[in-house]
Amino acid sequence: MNFKDKLSQRIGMADINEILCLIGDNDDRKRELYDLVMGDDEAIGCQAAWVFTHFSDENSEWLYDKQDELIDELLGCKHGGRRRVILNLLYRQPQANPPRVDLLDFCLERMMSCQELPGVKSLCMKLAYELCRPIPELMQEFKMALEIMEVDAVPSMRCVRRRILKAIMKGKSL
């Protein structure tokens, strides 16, 4: 199967399952799909990243050593949907300690942005929380940012913010 041709069209769960079956445990096929995530075509990159979000936890580990590449791709990404799925991939990974400052800055900036998509804002809040958790000083600053943040009209955004504030109070993971 030519992944580029398949992903250049609208795909659904049946297509994703077909791609997942074809990839299996084949690292060369995973690399082929991953190269599309990193490619110049934003729409195909978004579709390819979406396929990766359906990987099992075990298969997702294949992406762990590519975290820096994914972060670099995220920081320069212009496509909102692609940003959202790359953030989703990064959120599922164990975070480096200390965190990458550029990723934390990106998340803090985007979670406060009025122009950003709600899905991106929510994932930025969640990821920023995970990045700040190991460092108490950062967690205090993050909590203050959440408290001064405008309450979003989107119910899911209010819910994410409320859940994070509760987790901060309890000192727990999301």
N, C-alpha and C. Protein backbone atom coordinates (compact mmCIF):
# COMPACT_ATOMS: atom_id res chain seq x y z
N MET A 1 0.85 -1.18 0.00
CA MET A 1 0.00 0.00 0.00
C MET A 1 0.89 1.24 0.00
N ASN A 2 0.49 2.19 -0.80
CA ASN A 2 1.18 3.47 -0.83
C ASN A 2 0.49 4.38 0.19
N PHE A 3 1.17 4.63 1.31
CA PHE A 3 0.59 5.43 2.38
C PHE A 3 0.24 6.83 1.92
N LYS A 4 1.09 7.41 1.11
CA LYS A 4 0.87 8.80 0.67
C LYS A 4 -0.43 8.92 -0.12
N ASP A 5 -0.67 7.97 -1.03
CA ASP A 5 -1.92 7.99 -1.81
C ASP A 5 -3.13 7.80 -0.90
N LYS A 6 -3.02 6.86 0.03
CA LYS A 6 -4.13 6.55 0.94
C LYS A 6 -4.45 7.76 1.83
N LEU A 7 -3.40 8.40 2.34
CA LEU A 7 -3.59 9.50 3.29
C LEU A 7 -3.89 10.83 2.62
N SER A 8 -3.81 10.88 1.31
CA SER A 8 -4.14 12.12 0.60
C SER A 8 -5.66 12.27 0.46
N GLN A 9 -6.40 11.24 0.82
CA GLN A 9 -7.85 11.27 0.79
C GLN A 9 -8.38 11.30 2.22
N ARG A 10 -9.66 11.50 2.32
CA ARG A 10 -10.30 11.43 3.64
C ARG A 10 -10.27 9.96 4.09
N ILE A 11 -9.86 9.73 5.34
CA ILE A 11 -9.80 8.36 5.84
C ILE A 11 -10.68 8.22 7.07
N GLY A 12 -11.10 6.99 7.33
CA GLY A 12 -11.91 6.69 8.51
C GLY A 12 -11.26 5.58 9.31
N MET A 13 -11.97 5.07 10.28
CA MET A 13 -11.42 4.03 11.15
C MET A 13 -11.09 2.76 10.40
N ALA A 14 -11.88 2.41 9.40
CA ALA A 14 -11.57 1.21 8.62
C ALA A 14 -10.22 1.36 7.93
N ASP A 15 -9.95 2.54 7.39
CA ASP A 15 -8.66 2.80 6.74
C ASP A 15 -7.52 2.77 7.75
N ILE A 16 -7.75 3.36 8.90
CA ILE A 16 -6.71 3.37 9.95
C ILE A 16 -6.40 1.94 10.38
N ASN A 17 -7.44 1.14 10.60
CA ASN A 17 -7.22 -0.25 11.00
C ASN A 17 -6.47 -1.03 9.92
N GLU A 18 -6.78 -0.76 8.66
CA GLU A 18 -6.06 -1.41 7.56
C GLU A 18 -4.58 -1.04 7.59
N ILE A 19 -4.28 0.24 7.79
CA ILE A 19 -2.89 0.70 7.85
C ILE A 19 -2.19 0.07 9.05
N LEU A 20 -2.86 0.03 10.19
CA LEU A 20 -2.27 -0.56 11.40
C LEU A 20 -1.94 -2.04 11.19
N CYS A 21 -2.83 -2.75 10.49
CA CYS A 21 -2.58 -4.17 10.20
C CYS A 21 -1.38 -4.33 9.26
N LEU A 22 -1.28 -3.43 8.28
CA LEU A 22 -0.15 -3.50 7.34
C LEU A 22 1.18 -3.19 8.01
N ILE A 23 1.15 -2.28 8.95
CA ILE A 23 2.38 -1.89 9.64
C ILE A 23 2.83 -2.98 10.60
N GLY A 24 1.89 -3.47 11.41
CA GLY A 24 2.23 -4.49 12.39
C GLY A 24 3.43 -4.10 13.21
N ASP A 25 4.43 -4.96 13.26
CA ASP A 25 5.67 -4.70 13.99
C ASP A 25 6.81 -4.35 13.05
N ASN A 26 6.47 -3.94 11.83
CA ASN A 26 7.49 -3.64 10.83
C ASN A 26 8.00 -2.21 11.00
N ASP A 27 9.21 -2.08 11.52
CA ASP A 27 9.79 -0.75 11.77
C ASP A 27 10.00 0.05 10.49
N ASP A 28 10.26 -0.62 9.37
CA ASP A 28 10.44 0.10 8.11
C ASP A 28 9.13 0.77 7.68
N ARG A 29 8.02 0.07 7.86
CA ARG A 29 6.71 0.64 7.50
C ARG A 29 6.34 1.77 8.47
N LYS A 30 6.68 1.60 9.76
CA LYS A 30 6.44 2.68 10.73
C LYS A 30 7.24 3.91 10.33
N ARG A 31 8.48 3.71 9.94
CA ARG A 31 9.35 4.81 9.53
C ARG A 31 8.77 5.50 8.30
N GLU A 32 8.24 4.71 7.36
CA GLU A 32 7.63 5.27 6.14
C GLU A 32 6.45 6.18 6.51
N LEU A 33 5.62 5.73 7.44
CA LEU A 33 4.48 6.52 7.88
C LEU A 33 4.96 7.75 8.66
N TYR A 34 5.96 7.56 9.51
CA TYR A 34 6.51 8.66 10.31
C TYR A 34 7.10 9.75 9.40
N ASP A 35 7.76 9.35 8.34
CA ASP A 35 8.33 10.33 7.40
C ASP A 35 7.25 11.21 6.79
N LEU A 36 6.04 10.67 6.65
CA LEU A 36 4.92 11.49 6.14
C LEU A 36 4.47 12.51 7.18
N VAL A 37 4.55 12.15 8.46
CA VAL A 37 4.23 13.10 9.52
C VAL A 37 5.17 14.30 9.43
N MET A 38 6.43 14.02 9.15
CA MET A 38 7.46 15.05 9.10
C MET A 38 7.57 15.74 7.74
N GLY A 39 6.82 15.26 6.77
CA GLY A 39 6.90 15.80 5.41
C GLY A 39 6.33 17.19 5.27
N ASP A 40 6.44 17.72 4.04
CA ASP A 40 6.00 19.08 3.75
C ASP A 40 4.49 19.22 3.59
N ASP A 41 3.80 18.13 3.25
CA ASP A 41 2.36 18.19 3.04
C ASP A 41 1.65 18.14 4.39
N GLU A 42 1.10 19.28 4.79
CA GLU A 42 0.46 19.40 6.10
C GLU A 42 -0.73 18.44 6.26
N ALA A 43 -1.56 18.32 5.23
CA ALA A 43 -2.76 17.48 5.33
C ALA A 43 -2.38 16.01 5.46
N ILE A 44 -1.45 15.55 4.66
CA ILE A 44 -1.00 14.15 4.74
C ILE A 44 -0.30 13.92 6.08
N GLY A 45 0.49 14.89 6.53
CA GLY A 45 1.15 14.79 7.83
C GLY A 45 0.16 14.67 8.97
N CYS A 46 -0.93 15.39 8.87
CA CYS A 46 -1.98 15.33 9.88
C CYS A 46 -2.62 13.94 9.89
N GLN A 47 -2.93 13.42 8.72
CA GLN A 47 -3.55 12.10 8.61
C GLN A 47 -2.60 11.01 9.15
N ALA A 48 -1.31 11.12 8.80
CA ALA A 48 -0.33 10.13 9.25
C ALA A 48 -0.19 10.18 10.77
N ALA A 49 -0.14 11.37 11.34
CA ALA A 49 -0.05 11.51 12.80
C ALA A 49 -1.31 10.95 13.46
N TRP A 50 -2.45 11.14 12.81
CA TRP A 50 -3.70 10.61 13.34
C TRP A 50 -3.64 9.09 13.43
N VAL A 51 -3.04 8.44 12.43
CA VAL A 51 -2.88 6.98 12.46
C VAL A 51 -2.04 6.60 13.68
N PHE A 52 -0.96 7.34 13.94
CA PHE A 52 -0.10 7.04 15.09
C PHE A 52 -0.85 7.17 16.42
N THR A 53 -1.86 8.02 16.48
CA THR A 53 -2.61 8.16 17.74
C THR A 53 -3.42 6.90 18.04
N HIS A 54 -3.58 6.03 17.06
CA HIS A 54 -4.33 4.79 17.25
C HIS A 54 -3.41 3.60 17.52
N PHE A 55 -2.12 3.84 17.61
CA PHE A 55 -1.18 2.77 17.96
C PHE A 55 -1.47 2.30 19.38
N SER A 56 -1.22 1.03 19.63
CA SER A 56 -1.31 0.51 20.99
C SER A 56 -0.21 1.17 21.83
N ASP A 57 -0.34 1.07 23.14
CA ASP A 57 0.69 1.64 24.02
C ASP A 57 2.06 1.04 23.70
N GLU A 58 2.08 -0.26 23.44
CA GLU A 58 3.34 -0.94 23.13
C GLU A 58 3.95 -0.40 21.83
N ASN A 59 3.15 -0.26 20.80
CA ASN A 59 3.66 0.27 19.53
C ASN A 59 4.01 1.75 19.62
N SER A 60 3.31 2.47 20.50
CA SER A 60 3.60 3.90 20.67
C SER A 60 5.00 4.15 21.21
N GLU A 61 5.55 3.17 21.91
CA GLU A 61 6.90 3.30 22.45
C GLU A 61 7.92 3.54 21.33
N TRP A 62 7.59 3.10 20.12
CA TRP A 62 8.48 3.30 18.98
C TRP A 62 8.74 4.79 18.76
N LEU A 63 7.78 5.63 19.14
CA LEU A 63 7.91 7.08 18.96
C LEU A 63 8.71 7.78 20.06
N TYR A 64 8.96 7.12 21.16
CA TYR A 64 9.60 7.77 22.31
C TYR A 64 10.95 8.40 21.97
N ASP A 65 11.76 7.70 21.19
CA ASP A 65 13.08 8.27 20.87
C ASP A 65 12.99 9.34 19.77
N LYS A 66 11.80 9.61 19.30
CA LYS A 66 11.59 10.64 18.28
C LYS A 66 10.92 11.88 18.88
N GLN A 67 10.90 11.94 20.21
CA GLN A 67 10.22 13.03 20.89
C GLN A 67 10.76 14.40 20.49
N ASP A 68 12.08 14.55 20.43
CA ASP A 68 12.65 15.84 20.07
C ASP A 68 12.26 16.25 18.64
N GLU A 69 12.24 15.28 17.73
CA GLU A 69 11.82 15.57 16.34
C GLU A 69 10.36 16.01 16.31
N LEU A 70 9.52 15.32 17.08
CA LEU A 70 8.09 15.69 17.12
C LEU A 70 7.90 17.09 17.70
N ILE A 71 8.67 17.40 18.73
CA ILE A 71 8.57 18.74 19.33
C ILE A 71 9.01 19.80 18.32
N ASP A 72 10.11 19.55 17.62
CA ASP A 72 10.58 20.50 16.61
C ASP A 72 9.53 20.69 15.52
N GLU A 73 8.90 19.60 15.11
CA GLU A 73 7.85 19.68 14.09
C GLU A 73 6.65 20.48 14.61
N LEU A 74 6.28 20.25 15.85
CA LEU A 74 5.17 20.96 16.47
C LEU A 74 5.42 22.47 16.51
N LEU A 75 6.62 22.85 16.89
CA LEU A 75 6.94 24.26 17.05
C LEU A 75 6.84 25.04 15.75
N GLY A 76 7.07 24.37 14.61
CA GLY A 76 7.00 25.05 13.33
C GLY A 76 5.73 24.77 12.54
N CYS A 77 4.81 24.04 13.14
CA CYS A 77 3.61 23.59 12.44
C CYS A 77 2.58 24.72 12.28
N LYS A 78 2.09 24.88 11.05
CA LYS A 78 1.08 25.91 10.76
C LYS A 78 -0.35 25.35 10.71
N HIS A 79 -0.48 24.04 10.58
CA HIS A 79 -1.77 23.36 10.42
C HIS A 79 -2.33 23.00 11.80
N GLY A 80 -3.48 23.60 12.16
CA GLY A 80 -4.06 23.40 13.48
C GLY A 80 -4.37 21.95 13.81
N GLY A 81 -4.91 21.22 12.84
CA GLY A 81 -5.23 19.81 13.08
C GLY A 81 -3.98 18.98 13.31
N ARG A 82 -2.96 19.26 12.56
CA ARG A 82 -1.68 18.54 12.71
C ARG A 82 -1.05 18.87 14.07
N ARG A 83 -1.14 20.14 14.49
CA ARG A 83 -0.64 20.52 15.81
C ARG A 83 -1.35 19.71 16.89
N ARG A 84 -2.66 19.57 16.74
CA ARG A 84 -3.45 18.84 17.74
C ARG A 84 -3.03 17.38 17.84
N VAL A 85 -2.85 16.70 16.71
CA VAL A 85 -2.50 15.28 16.79
C VAL A 85 -1.05 15.07 17.24
N ILE A 86 -0.16 15.98 16.88
CA ILE A 86 1.23 15.88 17.37
C ILE A 86 1.25 16.11 18.88
N LEU A 87 0.48 17.08 19.36
CA LEU A 87 0.37 17.29 20.81
C LEU A 87 -0.17 16.05 21.50
N ASN A 88 -1.14 15.41 20.87
CA ASN A 88 -1.71 14.18 21.42
C ASN A 88 -0.63 13.10 21.53
N LEU A 89 0.20 12.96 20.50
CA LEU A 89 1.28 11.98 20.53
C LEU A 89 2.28 12.31 21.65
N LEU A 90 2.61 13.58 21.79
CA LEU A 90 3.56 13.99 22.83
C LEU A 90 2.98 13.80 24.23
N TYR A 91 1.69 14.05 24.37
CA TYR A 91 1.05 13.90 25.68
C TYR A 91 1.09 12.45 26.15
N ARG A 92 1.03 11.51 25.23
CA ARG A 92 1.04 10.08 25.57
C ARG A 92 2.43 9.56 25.92
N GLN A 93 3.45 10.39 25.75
CA GLN A 93 4.82 9.96 26.00
C GLN A 93 5.29 10.39 27.39
N PRO A 94 6.25 9.65 27.96
CA PRO A 94 6.86 10.13 29.20
C PRO A 94 7.63 11.42 28.92
N GLN A 95 7.52 12.38 29.79
CA GLN A 95 8.16 13.68 29.56
C GLN A 95 9.55 13.73 30.15
N ALA A 96 10.43 14.43 29.47
CA ALA A 96 11.81 14.61 29.93
C ALA A 96 11.81 15.49 31.18
N ASN A 97 12.75 15.21 32.07
CA ASN A 97 12.90 16.02 33.27
C ASN A 97 14.36 16.43 33.35
N PRO A 98 14.70 17.67 33.19
CA PRO A 98 13.82 18.82 33.08
C PRO A 98 13.18 18.90 31.69
N PRO A 99 12.05 19.57 31.62
CA PRO A 99 11.33 19.67 30.34
C PRO A 99 12.07 20.59 29.36
N ARG A 100 11.76 20.38 28.09
CA ARG A 100 12.27 21.30 27.07
C ARG A 100 11.55 22.64 27.24
N VAL A 101 12.33 23.66 27.45
CA VAL A 101 11.78 24.99 27.73
C VAL A 101 10.97 25.51 26.54
N ASP A 102 11.42 25.24 25.32
CA ASP A 102 10.68 25.73 24.16
C ASP A 102 9.31 25.07 24.05
N LEU A 103 9.20 23.80 24.44
CA LEU A 103 7.90 23.13 24.42
C LEU A 103 6.99 23.70 25.50
N LEU A 104 7.54 23.91 26.67
CA LEU A 104 6.75 24.49 27.76
C LEU A 104 6.27 25.89 27.38
N ASP A 105 7.15 26.70 26.82
CA ASP A 105 6.77 28.05 26.39
C ASP A 105 5.66 27.99 25.33
N PHE A 106 5.81 27.07 24.38
CA PHE A 106 4.79 26.88 23.34
C PHE A 106 3.44 26.57 23.97
N CYS A 107 3.43 25.60 24.90
CA CYS A 107 2.18 25.18 25.53
C CYS A 107 1.54 26.32 26.33
N LEU A 108 2.36 27.04 27.09
CA LEU A 108 1.82 28.15 27.88
C LEU A 108 1.26 29.26 26.99
N GLU A 109 1.96 29.54 25.91
CA GLU A 109 1.48 30.58 24.99
C GLU A 109 0.19 30.16 24.30
N ARG A 110 0.16 28.93 23.79
CA ARG A 110 -1.01 28.47 23.03
C ARG A 110 -2.23 28.24 23.89
N MET A 111 -2.04 27.83 25.14
CA MET A 111 -3.22 27.60 25.98
C MET A 111 -3.92 28.91 26.32
N MET A 112 -3.19 30.02 26.23
CA MET A 112 -3.77 31.35 26.52
C MET A 112 -4.27 32.05 25.27
N SER A 113 -3.93 31.54 24.10
CA SER A 113 -4.24 32.20 22.84
C SER A 113 -5.72 32.12 22.49
N CYS A 114 -6.28 33.24 22.14
CA CYS A 114 -7.69 33.29 21.72
C CYS A 114 -7.86 32.75 20.30
N GLN A 115 -6.79 32.76 19.51
CA GLN A 115 -6.86 32.33 18.12
C GLN A 115 -6.68 30.81 17.95
N GLU A 116 -6.22 30.12 19.00
CA GLU A 116 -5.90 28.70 18.87
C GLU A 116 -7.17 27.85 18.94
N LEU A 117 -7.12 26.68 18.29
CA LEU A 117 -8.23 25.74 18.32
C LEU A 117 -8.42 25.20 19.74
N PRO A 118 -9.67 24.97 20.15
CA PRO A 118 -9.91 24.45 21.51
C PRO A 118 -9.17 23.14 21.81
N GLY A 119 -9.10 22.24 20.83
CA GLY A 119 -8.39 20.97 21.05
C GLY A 119 -6.91 21.18 21.33
N VAL A 120 -6.31 22.13 20.63
CA VAL A 120 -4.89 22.45 20.84
C VAL A 120 -4.72 23.10 22.21
N LYS A 121 -5.61 24.02 22.56
CA LYS A 121 -5.52 24.68 23.85
C LYS A 121 -5.63 23.67 25.00
N SER A 122 -6.57 22.75 24.89
CA SER A 122 -6.76 21.74 25.93
C SER A 122 -5.52 20.86 26.09
N LEU A 123 -4.99 20.39 24.96
CA LEU A 123 -3.80 19.55 25.03
C LEU A 123 -2.59 20.32 25.53
N CYS A 124 -2.50 21.59 25.19
CA CYS A 124 -1.40 22.42 25.70
C CYS A 124 -1.50 22.57 27.22
N MET A 125 -2.72 22.74 27.73
CA MET A 125 -2.90 22.83 29.19
C MET A 125 -2.46 21.53 29.86
N LYS A 126 -2.92 20.41 29.31
CA LYS A 126 -2.58 19.11 29.89
C LYS A 126 -1.08 18.84 29.83
N LEU A 127 -0.49 19.12 28.69
CA LEU A 127 0.94 18.87 28.52
C LEU A 127 1.77 19.81 29.40
N ALA A 128 1.37 21.06 29.50
CA ALA A 128 2.07 22.01 30.36
C ALA A 128 2.00 21.54 31.82
N TYR A 129 0.87 21.02 32.22
CA TYR A 129 0.73 20.49 33.58
C TYR A 129 1.73 19.37 33.82
N GLU A 130 1.80 18.43 32.88
CA GLU A 130 2.72 17.30 33.02
C GLU A 130 4.18 17.77 33.02
N LEU A 131 4.49 18.79 32.22
CA LEU A 131 5.85 19.31 32.16
C LEU A 131 6.23 20.04 33.45
N CYS A 132 5.28 20.69 34.07
CA CYS A 132 5.55 21.48 35.28
C CYS A 132 5.52 20.65 36.56
N ARG A 133 4.82 19.53 36.55
CA ARG A 133 4.63 18.74 37.77
C ARG A 133 5.90 18.44 38.56
N PRO A 134 7.00 18.04 37.93
CA PRO A 134 8.17 17.68 38.74
C PRO A 134 8.90 18.88 39.37
N ILE A 135 8.55 20.10 38.96
CA ILE A 135 9.28 21.28 39.44
C ILE A 135 8.30 22.22 40.14
N PRO A 136 8.36 22.26 41.49
CA PRO A 136 7.37 23.05 42.26
C PRO A 136 7.28 24.52 41.85
N GLU A 137 8.41 25.14 41.52
CA GLU A 137 8.37 26.57 41.14
C GLU A 137 7.59 26.76 39.84
N LEU A 138 7.81 25.84 38.89
CA LEU A 138 7.07 25.91 37.63
C LEU A 138 5.59 25.65 37.87
N MET A 139 5.30 24.72 38.77
CA MET A 139 3.90 24.38 39.05
C MET A 139 3.17 25.59 39.62
N GLN A 140 3.82 26.36 40.47
CA GLN A 140 3.20 27.57 41.02
C GLN A 140 2.89 28.58 39.92
N GLU A 141 3.84 28.78 39.02
CA GLU A 141 3.62 29.71 37.90
C GLU A 141 2.50 29.22 36.99
N PHE A 142 2.48 27.92 36.74
CA PHE A 142 1.45 27.35 35.89
C PHE A 142 0.08 27.52 36.53
N LYS A 143 -0.02 27.28 37.82
CA LYS A 143 -1.29 27.43 38.52
C LYS A 143 -1.78 28.87 38.44
N MET A 144 -0.86 29.83 38.60
CA MET A 144 -1.25 31.24 38.49
C MET A 144 -1.74 31.56 37.09
N ALA A 145 -1.10 30.99 36.08
CA ALA A 145 -1.53 31.22 34.69
C ALA A 145 -2.93 30.67 34.48
N LEU A 146 -3.22 29.50 35.03
CA LEU A 146 -4.56 28.93 34.91
C LEU A 146 -5.60 29.79 35.60
N GLU A 147 -5.24 30.33 36.75
CA GLU A 147 -6.19 31.13 37.52
C GLU A 147 -6.52 32.45 36.84
N ILE A 148 -5.55 33.05 36.13
CA ILE A 148 -5.82 34.32 35.46
C ILE A 148 -6.36 34.13 34.04
N MET A 149 -6.32 32.89 33.58
CA MET A 149 -6.77 32.57 32.23
C MET A 149 -8.26 32.90 32.10
N GLU A 150 -8.62 33.49 30.96
CA GLU A 150 -10.03 33.78 30.71
C GLU A 150 -10.80 32.46 30.66
N VAL A 151 -11.96 32.44 31.29
CA VAL A 151 -12.79 31.25 31.25
C VAL A 151 -13.35 31.14 29.85
N ASP A 152 -13.03 30.06 29.20
CA ASP A 152 -13.42 29.84 27.81
C ASP A 152 -14.90 29.52 27.70
N ALA A 153 -15.49 29.93 26.60
CA ALA A 153 -16.91 29.65 26.36
C ALA A 153 -17.14 28.18 25.99
N VAL A 154 -16.08 27.49 25.57
CA VAL A 154 -16.21 26.09 25.18
C VAL A 154 -16.22 25.23 26.45
N PRO A 155 -17.29 24.47 26.68
CA PRO A 155 -17.40 23.68 27.92
C PRO A 155 -16.22 22.72 28.14
N SER A 156 -15.71 22.13 27.09
CA SER A 156 -14.59 21.19 27.27
C SER A 156 -13.35 21.89 27.81
N MET A 157 -13.14 23.14 27.42
CA MET A 157 -12.00 23.91 27.91
C MET A 157 -12.15 24.19 29.41
N ARG A 158 -13.35 24.57 29.82
CA ARG A 158 -13.59 24.81 31.25
C ARG A 158 -13.38 23.53 32.05
N CYS A 159 -13.81 22.42 31.49
CA CYS A 159 -13.67 21.12 32.16
C CYS A 159 -12.19 20.75 32.33
N VAL A 160 -11.40 20.91 31.29
CA VAL A 160 -9.97 20.59 31.36
C VAL A 160 -9.30 21.48 32.40
N ARG A 161 -9.60 22.74 32.36
CA ARG A 161 -9.01 23.69 33.32
C ARG A 161 -9.37 23.30 34.75
N ARG A 162 -10.64 22.99 34.97
CA ARG A 162 -11.11 22.61 36.31
C ARG A 162 -10.44 21.31 36.77
N ARG A 163 -10.32 20.32 35.88
CA ARG A 163 -9.68 19.05 36.24
C ARG A 163 -8.21 19.25 36.59
N ILE A 164 -7.53 20.11 35.86
CA ILE A 164 -6.11 20.37 36.14
C ILE A 164 -5.97 21.08 37.49
N LEU A 165 -6.81 22.06 37.76
CA LEU A 165 -6.74 22.75 39.06
C LEU A 165 -7.00 21.78 40.21
N LYS A 166 -7.94 20.85 40.04
CA LYS A 166 -8.19 19.83 41.07
C LYS A 166 -6.96 18.93 41.24
N ALA A 167 -6.35 18.53 40.12
CA ALA A 167 -5.17 17.67 40.19
C ALA A 167 -4.00 18.37 40.89
N ILE A 168 -3.88 19.67 40.65
CA ILE A 168 -2.83 20.46 41.32
C ILE A 168 -3.05 20.45 42.82
N MET A 169 -4.28 20.64 43.22
CA MET A 169 -4.61 20.67 44.66
C MET A 169 -4.30 19.32 45.32
N LYS A 170 -4.53 18.24 44.60
CA LYS A 170 -4.30 16.90 45.14
C LYS A 170 -2.88 16.42 44.89
N GLY A 171 -2.14 17.13 44.03
CA GLY A 171 -0.77 16.73 43.71
C GLY A 171 -0.70 15.45 42.91
N LYS A 172 -1.69 15.23 42.06
CA LYS A 172 -1.77 13.98 41.30
C LYS A 172 -1.66 14.22 39.80
N SER A 173 -1.49 13.11 39.09
CA SER A 173 -1.47 13.13 37.64
C SER A 173 -2.90 13.20 37.12
N LEU A 174 -3.05 13.63 35.87
CA LEU A 174 -4.39 13.70 35.26
C LEU A 174 -4.93 12.34 34.98
